[in-house]
Amino acid sequence: MHRGVETELYLRPGLAEDNFVAMALGNLAGRELAAARHERLVWQILRVDLSHHHHYRLLIAHPERRLDLGIKEDLKGILDRLSALTVEALHGELERARAAGLDPVPLRVVHEQVDFWQDDFWTALGGPAPLGPEFP
């Protein structure tokens, strides 16, 4: 399978049912994108756990070929529309999609370590400042 598109999903902190919201957004967006483009797509929804917080990631790919560059814009429009829905409306949309044949992909939990590596060459070119105080 070719690498597809990867989109970070940052939900409002303290959102009730955030795992459900991410799972529903990912499944509904994947289904709608596949239908709009008339092609078979596969997707995963990840909960990315870091040391003190988490966020979500949606991965969408075509099982046999690379996706074209326009897919990111299509996905952005779909996610913008879906993100305006309430949690209750997402429940309803997901139930309608299930009734129409969607088999929702479950949320998968992954753990990532924060990368604190700092490259002095990058910093000299104006990259991010080093973490912590500088010592002579």
N, C-alpha and C. Protein backbone atom coordinates (compact mmCIF):
# COMPACT_ATOMS: atom_id res chain seq x y z
N MET A 1 0.85 -1.18 0.00
CA MET A 1 0.00 0.00 0.00
C MET A 1 0.89 1.24 0.00
N HIS A 2 0.54 2.22 -0.83
CA HIS A 2 1.30 3.45 -0.91
C HIS A 2 0.94 4.37 0.24
N ARG A 3 1.91 5.18 0.62
CA ARG A 3 1.66 6.15 1.66
C ARG A 3 0.62 7.16 1.18
N GLY A 4 -0.28 7.51 2.05
CA GLY A 4 -1.34 8.43 1.67
C GLY A 4 -1.16 9.78 2.32
N VAL A 5 -2.26 10.35 2.77
CA VAL A 5 -2.21 11.65 3.44
C VAL A 5 -2.39 11.44 4.93
N GLU A 6 -1.78 12.33 5.67
CA GLU A 6 -1.82 12.27 7.12
C GLU A 6 -2.29 13.63 7.62
N THR A 7 -3.33 13.64 8.45
CA THR A 7 -3.89 14.88 8.96
C THR A 7 -4.00 14.78 10.47
N GLU A 8 -3.49 15.77 11.15
CA GLU A 8 -3.60 15.82 12.61
C GLU A 8 -4.98 16.37 12.96
N LEU A 9 -5.61 15.77 13.95
CA LEU A 9 -6.91 16.23 14.44
C LEU A 9 -6.73 16.69 15.88
N TYR A 10 -6.80 17.98 16.09
CA TYR A 10 -6.68 18.52 17.44
C TYR A 10 -8.08 18.94 17.88
N LEU A 11 -8.58 18.24 18.87
CA LEU A 11 -9.93 18.54 19.37
C LEU A 11 -9.84 19.51 20.54
N ARG A 12 -10.94 20.17 20.81
CA ARG A 12 -11.01 21.11 21.92
C ARG A 12 -10.69 20.40 23.23
N PRO A 13 -9.74 20.92 24.03
CA PRO A 13 -9.42 20.29 25.31
C PRO A 13 -10.66 20.17 26.20
N GLY A 14 -10.80 19.06 26.85
CA GLY A 14 -11.92 18.84 27.74
C GLY A 14 -13.19 18.40 27.05
N LEU A 15 -13.14 18.17 25.75
CA LEU A 15 -14.31 17.75 24.99
C LEU A 15 -14.79 16.39 25.49
N ALA A 16 -16.07 16.31 25.83
CA ALA A 16 -16.65 15.03 26.24
C ALA A 16 -16.66 14.09 25.04
N GLU A 17 -16.38 12.84 25.26
CA GLU A 17 -16.41 11.82 24.21
C GLU A 17 -15.39 12.10 23.11
N ASP A 18 -14.20 12.59 23.47
CA ASP A 18 -13.24 12.96 22.43
C ASP A 18 -12.80 11.76 21.59
N ASN A 19 -12.69 10.58 22.18
CA ASN A 19 -12.34 9.39 21.40
C ASN A 19 -13.43 9.10 20.36
N PHE A 20 -14.68 9.20 20.77
CA PHE A 20 -15.78 8.99 19.82
C PHE A 20 -15.75 10.04 18.71
N VAL A 21 -15.56 11.30 19.09
CA VAL A 21 -15.57 12.38 18.11
C VAL A 21 -14.49 12.15 17.06
N ALA A 22 -13.28 11.80 17.49
CA ALA A 22 -12.18 11.55 16.55
C ALA A 22 -12.50 10.35 15.65
N MET A 23 -13.02 9.28 16.24
CA MET A 23 -13.37 8.09 15.47
C MET A 23 -14.47 8.42 14.45
N ALA A 24 -15.48 9.16 14.86
CA ALA A 24 -16.58 9.52 13.96
C ALA A 24 -16.08 10.45 12.85
N LEU A 25 -15.30 11.47 13.21
CA LEU A 25 -14.77 12.38 12.19
C LEU A 25 -13.94 11.63 11.15
N GLY A 26 -13.07 10.75 11.62
CA GLY A 26 -12.21 10.01 10.70
C GLY A 26 -12.98 9.10 9.77
N ASN A 27 -13.93 8.36 10.32
CA ASN A 27 -14.72 7.44 9.50
C ASN A 27 -15.64 8.17 8.53
N LEU A 28 -16.29 9.21 9.00
CA LEU A 28 -17.18 9.96 8.12
C LEU A 28 -16.40 10.68 7.02
N ALA A 29 -15.24 11.24 7.38
CA ALA A 29 -14.42 11.94 6.38
C ALA A 29 -13.87 10.94 5.35
N GLY A 30 -13.40 9.79 5.81
CA GLY A 30 -12.88 8.78 4.88
C GLY A 30 -13.95 8.30 3.93
N ARG A 31 -15.12 8.03 4.46
CA ARG A 31 -16.24 7.55 3.63
C ARG A 31 -16.66 8.61 2.61
N GLU A 32 -16.80 9.85 3.08
CA GLU A 32 -17.25 10.93 2.19
C GLU A 32 -16.21 11.23 1.12
N LEU A 33 -14.94 11.20 1.49
CA LEU A 33 -13.87 11.45 0.52
C LEU A 33 -13.84 10.36 -0.55
N ALA A 34 -13.98 9.11 -0.14
CA ALA A 34 -14.00 8.00 -1.10
C ALA A 34 -15.19 8.13 -2.05
N ALA A 35 -16.35 8.49 -1.51
CA ALA A 35 -17.54 8.63 -2.36
C ALA A 35 -17.39 9.81 -3.32
N ALA A 36 -16.85 10.92 -2.85
CA ALA A 36 -16.71 12.11 -3.69
C ALA A 36 -15.71 11.87 -4.82
N ARG A 37 -14.69 11.07 -4.56
CA ARG A 37 -13.65 10.82 -5.55
C ARG A 37 -13.90 9.55 -6.36
N HIS A 38 -14.93 8.82 -6.03
CA HIS A 38 -15.29 7.58 -6.73
C HIS A 38 -14.12 6.59 -6.77
N GLU A 39 -13.49 6.40 -5.62
CA GLU A 39 -12.40 5.44 -5.53
C GLU A 39 -12.40 4.78 -4.17
N ARG A 40 -11.76 3.63 -4.11
CA ARG A 40 -11.68 2.89 -2.85
C ARG A 40 -10.51 3.43 -2.04
N LEU A 41 -10.81 3.87 -0.83
CA LEU A 41 -9.78 4.38 0.06
C LEU A 41 -9.81 3.58 1.35
N VAL A 42 -8.69 3.52 2.02
CA VAL A 42 -8.61 2.90 3.35
C VAL A 42 -8.11 3.97 4.31
N TRP A 43 -8.49 3.85 5.57
CA TRP A 43 -8.08 4.85 6.54
C TRP A 43 -7.91 4.24 7.92
N GLN A 44 -7.16 4.96 8.73
CA GLN A 44 -6.96 4.63 10.14
C GLN A 44 -7.13 5.91 10.94
N ILE A 45 -7.64 5.78 12.15
CA ILE A 45 -7.74 6.90 13.06
C ILE A 45 -6.90 6.54 14.28
N LEU A 46 -5.91 7.35 14.57
CA LEU A 46 -5.00 7.08 15.67
C LEU A 46 -5.20 8.08 16.79
N ARG A 47 -5.16 7.58 18.01
CA ARG A 47 -5.04 8.45 19.18
C ARG A 47 -3.56 8.42 19.53
N VAL A 48 -2.91 9.56 19.40
CA VAL A 48 -1.47 9.66 19.63
C VAL A 48 -1.26 10.15 21.06
N ASP A 49 -0.83 9.22 21.92
CA ASP A 49 -0.58 9.56 23.33
C ASP A 49 0.85 10.02 23.50
N LEU A 50 1.02 11.21 24.05
CA LEU A 50 2.33 11.73 24.41
C LEU A 50 2.44 11.66 25.93
N SER A 51 3.48 12.19 26.50
CA SER A 51 3.65 12.03 27.94
C SER A 51 2.56 12.71 28.76
N HIS A 52 2.09 13.90 28.37
CA HIS A 52 1.10 14.60 29.20
C HIS A 52 -0.16 15.01 28.45
N HIS A 53 -0.29 14.65 27.21
CA HIS A 53 -1.49 14.99 26.46
C HIS A 53 -1.61 14.04 25.27
N HIS A 54 -2.66 14.22 24.50
CA HIS A 54 -2.86 13.39 23.31
C HIS A 54 -3.53 14.23 22.22
N HIS A 55 -3.44 13.74 21.02
CA HIS A 55 -4.17 14.30 19.89
C HIS A 55 -4.49 13.13 18.96
N TYR A 56 -5.13 13.42 17.86
CA TYR A 56 -5.57 12.37 16.96
C TYR A 56 -4.97 12.59 15.58
N ARG A 57 -4.86 11.51 14.84
CA ARG A 57 -4.28 11.57 13.49
C ARG A 57 -5.14 10.71 12.58
N LEU A 58 -5.46 11.24 11.42
CA LEU A 58 -6.21 10.52 10.41
C LEU A 58 -5.27 10.20 9.25
N LEU A 59 -5.17 8.94 8.90
CA LEU A 59 -4.34 8.48 7.79
C LEU A 59 -5.27 7.92 6.72
N ILE A 60 -5.15 8.43 5.50
CA ILE A 60 -5.99 7.96 4.39
C ILE A 60 -5.08 7.58 3.24
N ALA A 61 -5.33 6.41 2.65
CA ALA A 61 -4.51 5.95 1.53
C ALA A 61 -5.37 5.19 0.53
N HIS A 62 -4.83 5.03 -0.66
CA HIS A 62 -5.43 4.17 -1.67
C HIS A 62 -4.64 2.88 -1.62
N PRO A 63 -5.29 1.73 -1.60
CA PRO A 63 -4.55 0.47 -1.43
C PRO A 63 -3.65 0.09 -2.60
N GLU A 64 -3.87 0.66 -3.79
CA GLU A 64 -3.09 0.24 -4.95
C GLU A 64 -2.23 1.33 -5.60
N ARG A 65 -2.45 2.57 -5.26
CA ARG A 65 -1.68 3.62 -5.94
C ARG A 65 -1.54 4.85 -5.04
N ARG A 66 -0.71 5.76 -5.49
CA ARG A 66 -0.53 7.02 -4.77
C ARG A 66 -1.72 7.94 -5.00
N LEU A 67 -1.99 8.75 -4.02
CA LEU A 67 -3.08 9.71 -4.14
C LEU A 67 -2.56 11.00 -4.78
N ASP A 68 -3.44 11.69 -5.50
CA ASP A 68 -3.03 12.93 -6.13
C ASP A 68 -2.99 14.07 -5.11
N LEU A 69 -2.37 15.15 -5.50
CA LEU A 69 -2.15 16.27 -4.58
C LEU A 69 -3.44 16.96 -4.15
N GLY A 70 -4.47 16.91 -4.96
CA GLY A 70 -5.72 17.59 -4.63
C GLY A 70 -6.50 16.98 -3.49
N ILE A 71 -6.10 15.81 -3.06
CA ILE A 71 -6.87 15.13 -2.01
C ILE A 71 -6.84 15.89 -0.69
N LYS A 72 -5.75 16.58 -0.40
CA LYS A 72 -5.67 17.32 0.86
C LYS A 72 -6.70 18.43 0.92
N GLU A 73 -6.91 19.12 -0.19
CA GLU A 73 -7.92 20.19 -0.22
C GLU A 73 -9.32 19.60 -0.08
N ASP A 74 -9.57 18.48 -0.76
CA ASP A 74 -10.87 17.82 -0.63
C ASP A 74 -11.13 17.41 0.81
N LEU A 75 -10.10 16.83 1.45
CA LEU A 75 -10.24 16.38 2.83
C LEU A 75 -10.44 17.55 3.77
N LYS A 76 -9.74 18.65 3.54
CA LYS A 76 -9.89 19.83 4.39
C LYS A 76 -11.33 20.34 4.37
N GLY A 77 -11.94 20.41 3.19
CA GLY A 77 -13.32 20.86 3.10
C GLY A 77 -14.28 19.95 3.84
N ILE A 78 -14.07 18.66 3.72
CA ILE A 78 -14.92 17.69 4.41
C ILE A 78 -14.77 17.82 5.91
N LEU A 79 -13.52 17.89 6.39
CA LEU A 79 -13.29 18.00 7.84
C LEU A 79 -13.82 19.33 8.39
N ASP A 80 -13.71 20.40 7.60
CA ASP A 80 -14.27 21.68 8.05
C ASP A 80 -15.78 21.57 8.25
N ARG A 81 -16.45 20.92 7.32
CA ARG A 81 -17.90 20.76 7.44
C ARG A 81 -18.26 19.88 8.63
N LEU A 82 -17.57 18.75 8.78
CA LEU A 82 -17.87 17.82 9.87
C LEU A 82 -17.54 18.39 11.24
N SER A 83 -16.49 19.21 11.32
CA SER A 83 -16.08 19.74 12.62
C SER A 83 -17.09 20.75 13.17
N ALA A 84 -17.97 21.25 12.33
CA ALA A 84 -19.00 22.18 12.79
C ALA A 84 -20.17 21.45 13.46
N LEU A 85 -20.21 20.12 13.35
CA LEU A 85 -21.32 19.35 13.92
C LEU A 85 -21.14 19.17 15.43
N THR A 86 -22.25 19.06 16.12
CA THR A 86 -22.20 18.76 17.56
C THR A 86 -21.93 17.27 17.75
N VAL A 87 -21.63 16.89 18.97
CA VAL A 87 -21.40 15.47 19.27
C VAL A 87 -22.66 14.67 18.95
N GLU A 88 -23.83 15.20 19.28
CA GLU A 88 -25.08 14.50 18.99
C GLU A 88 -25.29 14.34 17.49
N ALA A 89 -24.97 15.38 16.74
CA ALA A 89 -25.11 15.31 15.29
C ALA A 89 -24.13 14.29 14.70
N LEU A 90 -22.93 14.20 15.26
CA LEU A 90 -21.97 13.19 14.81
C LEU A 90 -22.49 11.77 15.07
N HIS A 91 -23.13 11.57 16.23
CA HIS A 91 -23.76 10.27 16.51
C HIS A 91 -24.77 9.94 15.42
N GLY A 92 -25.62 10.90 15.08
CA GLY A 92 -26.63 10.69 14.05
C GLY A 92 -26.03 10.41 12.69
N GLU A 93 -25.02 11.19 12.30
CA GLU A 93 -24.35 10.99 11.01
C GLU A 93 -23.71 9.60 10.93
N LEU A 94 -23.06 9.20 12.03
CA LEU A 94 -22.40 7.90 12.03
C LEU A 94 -23.43 6.77 11.95
N GLU A 95 -24.54 6.92 12.62
CA GLU A 95 -25.60 5.89 12.54
C GLU A 95 -26.17 5.79 11.13
N ARG A 96 -26.38 6.94 10.49
CA ARG A 96 -26.87 6.92 9.10
C ARG A 96 -25.85 6.27 8.17
N ALA A 97 -24.58 6.56 8.40
CA ALA A 97 -23.52 5.95 7.57
C ALA A 97 -23.45 4.44 7.81
N ARG A 98 -23.63 4.01 9.05
CA ARG A 98 -23.65 2.57 9.35
C ARG A 98 -24.82 1.90 8.64
N ALA A 99 -25.97 2.55 8.68
CA ALA A 99 -27.15 1.99 8.02
C ALA A 99 -26.95 1.90 6.51
N ALA A 100 -26.10 2.78 5.97
CA ALA A 100 -25.83 2.78 4.53
C ALA A 100 -24.66 1.87 4.17
N GLY A 101 -24.12 1.14 5.17
CA GLY A 101 -23.08 0.15 4.87
C GLY A 101 -21.69 0.43 5.40
N LEU A 102 -21.48 1.54 6.08
CA LEU A 102 -20.16 1.83 6.63
C LEU A 102 -19.84 0.88 7.78
N ASP A 103 -18.68 0.25 7.72
CA ASP A 103 -18.17 -0.55 8.83
C ASP A 103 -17.06 0.29 9.46
N PRO A 104 -17.37 1.03 10.54
CA PRO A 104 -16.40 1.99 11.08
C PRO A 104 -15.08 1.34 11.49
N VAL A 105 -14.00 2.03 11.16
CA VAL A 105 -12.67 1.61 11.57
C VAL A 105 -12.50 2.02 13.03
N PRO A 106 -12.08 1.12 13.90
CA PRO A 106 -11.93 1.50 15.32
C PRO A 106 -10.72 2.42 15.53
N LEU A 107 -10.79 3.17 16.58
CA LEU A 107 -9.69 4.04 17.00
C LEU A 107 -8.53 3.18 17.46
N ARG A 108 -7.33 3.52 17.02
CA ARG A 108 -6.13 2.79 17.43
C ARG A 108 -5.26 3.71 18.27
N VAL A 109 -4.76 3.22 19.39
CA VAL A 109 -3.94 4.03 20.28
C VAL A 109 -2.47 3.74 20.01
N VAL A 110 -1.69 4.81 19.80
CA VAL A 110 -0.24 4.69 19.64
C VAL A 110 0.43 5.64 20.63
N HIS A 111 1.62 5.28 21.04
CA HIS A 111 2.39 6.09 21.98
C HIS A 111 3.60 6.65 21.26
N GLU A 112 3.81 7.95 21.40
CA GLU A 112 4.96 8.60 20.78
C GLU A 112 5.77 9.30 21.84
N GLN A 113 7.06 9.28 21.67
CA GLN A 113 7.96 10.02 22.54
C GLN A 113 8.25 11.37 21.89
N VAL A 114 8.33 12.41 22.69
CA VAL A 114 8.67 13.73 22.17
C VAL A 114 10.14 13.71 21.81
N ASP A 115 10.48 14.23 20.64
CA ASP A 115 11.85 14.25 20.16
C ASP A 115 12.49 15.58 20.57
N PHE A 116 13.40 15.53 21.53
CA PHE A 116 14.06 16.73 22.00
C PHE A 116 15.40 16.97 21.32
N TRP A 117 15.70 16.24 20.27
CA TRP A 117 16.97 16.38 19.58
C TRP A 117 17.07 17.79 19.01
N GLN A 118 18.23 18.39 19.13
CA GLN A 118 18.45 19.74 18.63
C GLN A 118 19.66 19.76 17.71
N ASP A 119 19.50 20.28 16.53
CA ASP A 119 20.58 20.34 15.56
C ASP A 119 21.14 21.76 15.55
N ASP A 120 22.42 21.92 15.91
CA ASP A 120 23.03 23.24 15.96
C ASP A 120 23.06 23.91 14.58
N PHE A 121 23.20 23.12 13.52
CA PHE A 121 23.20 23.69 12.17
C PHE A 121 21.84 24.32 11.87
N TRP A 122 20.76 23.61 12.20
CA TRP A 122 19.41 24.13 11.99
C TRP A 122 19.19 25.41 12.79
N THR A 123 19.67 25.43 14.03
CA THR A 123 19.51 26.60 14.89
C THR A 123 20.26 27.79 14.30
N ALA A 124 21.45 27.54 13.75
CA ALA A 124 22.24 28.62 13.15
C ALA A 124 21.54 29.22 11.94
N LEU A 125 20.73 28.44 11.26
CA LEU A 125 19.99 28.93 10.10
C LEU A 125 18.70 29.62 10.48
N GLY A 126 18.41 29.72 11.77
CA GLY A 126 17.20 30.40 12.21
C GLY A 126 16.08 29.46 12.59
N GLY A 127 16.42 28.21 12.82
CA GLY A 127 15.42 27.24 13.25
C GLY A 127 14.99 27.50 14.68
N PRO A 128 14.25 26.59 15.26
CA PRO A 128 13.77 26.81 16.62
C PRO A 128 14.92 26.98 17.60
N ALA A 129 14.69 27.81 18.60
CA ALA A 129 15.71 28.04 19.63
C ALA A 129 15.90 26.79 20.46
N PRO A 130 17.09 26.58 21.00
CA PRO A 130 17.32 25.40 21.82
C PRO A 130 16.45 25.42 23.06
N LEU A 131 16.15 24.24 23.57
CA LEU A 131 15.36 24.13 24.79
C LEU A 131 16.24 24.43 25.99
N GLY A 132 15.73 25.16 26.94
CA GLY A 132 16.47 25.44 28.17
C GLY A 132 17.49 26.55 27.99
N PRO A 133 18.14 26.90 29.08
CA PRO A 133 19.12 27.99 29.02
C PRO A 133 20.39 27.55 28.30
N GLU A 134 21.06 28.53 27.69
CA GLU A 134 22.33 28.24 27.03
C GLU A 134 23.46 28.47 28.02
N PHE A 135 24.40 27.58 28.06
CA PHE A 135 25.56 27.72 28.93
C PHE A 135 26.81 27.91 28.09
N PRO A 136 27.76 28.75 28.56
CA PRO A 136 28.97 28.99 27.77
C PRO A 136 29.85 27.76 27.68
